[in-house]
């Protein structure tokens, strides 16, 4: 499973997210519900909730709002709430992690 380590300016250790967790996080930042995320990713709502629980655990938060605030503090999103790195950059980071 591809994993990406991301860290920002906040004084904490790097957060490692899987490719699917990054996809879920992107849609979460677009204010999509779990059901809408499930439809977009063609999986069950339960699977989305599983990924969200993992994201919350890794970011050390309890809900969507806190997750969005945390990724913002880590410098992973811009002022509009979009993930800073384009998809191609995320994929490059994933390839580098897999190669290591």
C-alpha atoms as a PDB file:
ATOM      1  CA  UNK A   1       0.000   0.000   0.000  1.00  0.00           C
ATOM      2  CA  UNK A   2       1.445   3.360  -0.999  1.00  0.00           C
ATOM      3  CA  UNK A   3       2.055   5.759   1.838  1.00  0.00           C
ATOM      4  CA  UNK A   4       3.041   9.395   1.827  1.00  0.00           C
ATOM      5  CA  UNK A   5       4.768  11.160   4.676  1.00  0.00           C
ATOM      6  CA  UNK A   6       3.816  14.772   4.960  1.00  0.00           C
ATOM      7  CA  UNK A   7       4.959  17.362   7.421  1.00  0.00           C
ATOM      8  CA  UNK A   8       4.416  21.052   7.663  1.00  0.00           C
ATOM      9  CA  UNK A   9       5.538  23.973   9.720  1.00  0.00           C
ATOM     10  CA  UNK A  10       3.773  22.771  12.875  1.00  0.00           C
ATOM     11  CA  UNK A  11       6.122  21.309  15.501  1.00  0.00           C
ATOM     12  CA  UNK A  12       5.044  17.660  15.261  1.00  0.00           C
ATOM     13  CA  UNK A  13       6.228  14.459  13.649  1.00  0.00           C
ATOM     14  CA  UNK A  14       5.402  13.662  10.034  1.00  0.00           C
ATOM     15  CA  UNK A  15       1.959  12.270   9.269  1.00  0.00           C
ATOM     16  CA  UNK A  16       1.916   9.224   6.990  1.00  0.00           C
ATOM     17  CA  UNK A  17      -1.205   8.877   4.866  1.00  0.00           C
ATOM     18  CA  UNK A  18      -2.061   6.196   2.343  1.00  0.00           C
ATOM     19  CA  UNK A  19      -3.072   7.153  -1.176  1.00  0.00           C
ATOM     20  CA  UNK A  20      -6.701   6.375  -0.375  1.00  0.00           C
ATOM     21  CA  UNK A  21      -6.582   8.454   2.817  1.00  0.00           C
ATOM     22  CA  UNK A  22      -5.291  11.375   0.748  1.00  0.00           C
ATOM     23  CA  UNK A  23      -8.199  10.915  -1.685  1.00  0.00           C
ATOM     24  CA  UNK A  24     -10.688  10.861   1.206  1.00  0.00           C
ATOM     25  CA  UNK A  25      -9.032  13.916   2.755  1.00  0.00           C
ATOM     26  CA  UNK A  26      -9.248  15.831  -0.533  1.00  0.00           C
ATOM     27  CA  UNK A  27     -12.988  15.203  -0.721  1.00  0.00           C
ATOM     28  CA  UNK A  28     -13.454  15.964   2.966  1.00  0.00           C
ATOM     29  CA  UNK A  29     -11.844  19.362   2.330  1.00  0.00           C
ATOM     30  CA  UNK A  30     -14.454  19.922  -0.400  1.00  0.00           C
ATOM     31  CA  UNK A  31     -17.119  19.541   2.336  1.00  0.00           C
ATOM     32  CA  UNK A  32     -18.352  16.225   0.952  1.00  0.00           C
ATOM     33  CA  UNK A  33     -20.333  13.930   3.237  1.00  0.00           C
ATOM     34  CA  UNK A  34     -19.208  10.358   3.856  1.00  0.00           C
ATOM     35  CA  UNK A  35     -21.918   9.176   1.476  1.00  0.00           C
ATOM     36  CA  UNK A  36     -20.759  11.588  -1.248  1.00  0.00           C
ATOM     37  CA  UNK A  37     -17.135  10.524  -0.727  1.00  0.00           C
ATOM     38  CA  UNK A  38     -18.181   6.871  -0.997  1.00  0.00           C
ATOM     39  CA  UNK A  39     -19.986   7.563  -4.270  1.00  0.00           C
ATOM     40  CA  UNK A  40     -17.014   9.470  -5.686  1.00  0.00           C
ATOM     41  CA  UNK A  41     -14.547   6.737  -4.723  1.00  0.00           C
ATOM     42  CA  UNK A  42     -16.929   3.880  -5.588  1.00  0.00           C
ATOM     43  CA  UNK A  43     -16.758   2.245  -2.195  1.00  0.00           C
ATOM     44  CA  UNK A  44     -19.068   1.859   0.780  1.00  0.00           C
ATOM     45  CA  UNK A  45     -19.775   4.557   3.340  1.00  0.00           C
ATOM     46  CA  UNK A  46     -18.402   2.176   5.964  1.00  0.00           C
ATOM     47  CA  UNK A  47     -15.076   2.052   4.095  1.00  0.00           C
ATOM     48  CA  UNK A  48     -14.978   5.855   3.983  1.00  0.00           C
ATOM     49  CA  UNK A  49     -15.688   6.007   7.708  1.00  0.00           C
ATOM     50  CA  UNK A  50     -12.838   3.526   8.271  1.00  0.00           C
ATOM     51  CA  UNK A  51     -10.439   5.766   6.327  1.00  0.00           C
ATOM     52  CA  UNK A  52     -11.702   8.844   8.179  1.00  0.00           C
ATOM     53  CA  UNK A  53     -11.063   7.133  11.522  1.00  0.00           C
ATOM     54  CA  UNK A  54      -7.493   6.385  10.410  1.00  0.00           C
ATOM     55  CA  UNK A  55      -7.008   9.977   9.234  1.00  0.00           C
ATOM     56  CA  UNK A  56      -8.349  11.352  12.523  1.00  0.00           C
ATOM     57  CA  UNK A  57      -6.041   9.043  14.463  1.00  0.00           C
ATOM     58  CA  UNK A  58      -2.980  10.016  12.432  1.00  0.00           C
ATOM     59  CA  UNK A  59      -3.784  13.731  12.695  1.00  0.00           C
ATOM     60  CA  UNK A  60      -4.691  13.320  16.383  1.00  0.00           C
ATOM     61  CA  UNK A  61      -8.142  14.881  15.947  1.00  0.00           C
ATOM     62  CA  UNK A  62     -11.731  13.803  16.626  1.00  0.00           C
ATOM     63  CA  UNK A  63     -13.779  15.126  13.704  1.00  0.00           C
ATOM     64  CA  UNK A  64     -13.821  16.638  10.192  1.00  0.00           C
ATOM     65  CA  UNK A  65     -13.528  20.231  11.331  1.00  0.00           C
ATOM     66  CA  UNK A  66     -10.499  19.456  13.462  1.00  0.00           C
ATOM     67  CA  UNK A  67      -8.952  17.441  10.609  1.00  0.00           C
ATOM     68  CA  UNK A  68      -9.358  20.384   8.224  1.00  0.00           C
ATOM     69  CA  UNK A  69      -7.849  22.746  10.792  1.00  0.00           C
ATOM     70  CA  UNK A  70      -4.952  20.366  11.420  1.00  0.00           C
ATOM     71  CA  UNK A  71      -3.984  19.976   7.763  1.00  0.00           C
ATOM     72  CA  UNK A  72      -4.193  23.746   7.457  1.00  0.00           C
ATOM     73  CA  UNK A  73      -1.817  24.173  10.418  1.00  0.00           C
ATOM     74  CA  UNK A  74       0.520  21.620   8.850  1.00  0.00           C
ATOM     75  CA  UNK A  75       0.604  23.823   5.751  1.00  0.00           C
ATOM     76  CA  UNK A  76      -0.974  21.178   3.538  1.00  0.00           C
ATOM     77  CA  UNK A  77      -3.874  23.341   2.341  1.00  0.00           C
ATOM     78  CA  UNK A  78      -4.146  26.825   0.923  1.00  0.00           C
ATOM     79  CA  UNK A  79      -6.422  29.607   2.159  1.00  0.00           C
ATOM     80  CA  UNK A  80      -9.256  28.221   0.011  1.00  0.00           C
ATOM     81  CA  UNK A  81      -9.047  24.817   1.714  1.00  0.00           C
ATOM     82  CA  UNK A  82      -7.421  23.020  -1.216  1.00  0.00           C
ATOM     83  CA  UNK A  83      -4.473  20.682  -0.816  1.00  0.00           C
ATOM     84  CA  UNK A  84      -1.398  22.637  -1.893  1.00  0.00           C
ATOM     85  CA  UNK A  85       0.346  19.932  -3.862  1.00  0.00           C
ATOM     86  CA  UNK A  86      -1.226  18.949  -7.178  1.00  0.00           C
ATOM     87  CA  UNK A  87      -2.088  15.285  -7.656  1.00  0.00           C
ATOM     88  CA  UNK A  88       1.080  14.711  -9.674  1.00  0.00           C
ATOM     89  CA  UNK A  89       3.200  15.941  -6.741  1.00  0.00           C
ATOM     90  CA  UNK A  90       1.380  13.608  -4.354  1.00  0.00           C
ATOM     91  CA  UNK A  91       1.957  10.722  -6.755  1.00  0.00           C
ATOM     92  CA  UNK A  92       5.649  11.626  -7.009  1.00  0.00           C
ATOM     93  CA  UNK A  93       5.914  11.673  -3.225  1.00  0.00           C
ATOM     94  CA  UNK A  94       4.247   8.258  -3.114  1.00  0.00           C
ATOM     95  CA  UNK A  95       6.697   6.845  -5.662  1.00  0.00           C
ATOM     96  CA  UNK A  96       9.621   8.172  -3.632  1.00  0.00           C
ATOM     97  CA  UNK A  97       8.215   6.594  -0.468  1.00  0.00           C
ATOM     98  CA  UNK A  98       7.725   3.249  -2.227  1.00  0.00           C
ATOM     99  CA  UNK A  99      11.294   3.351  -3.554  1.00  0.00           C
ATOM    100  CA  UNK A 100      12.750   3.995  -0.089  1.00  0.00           C
END
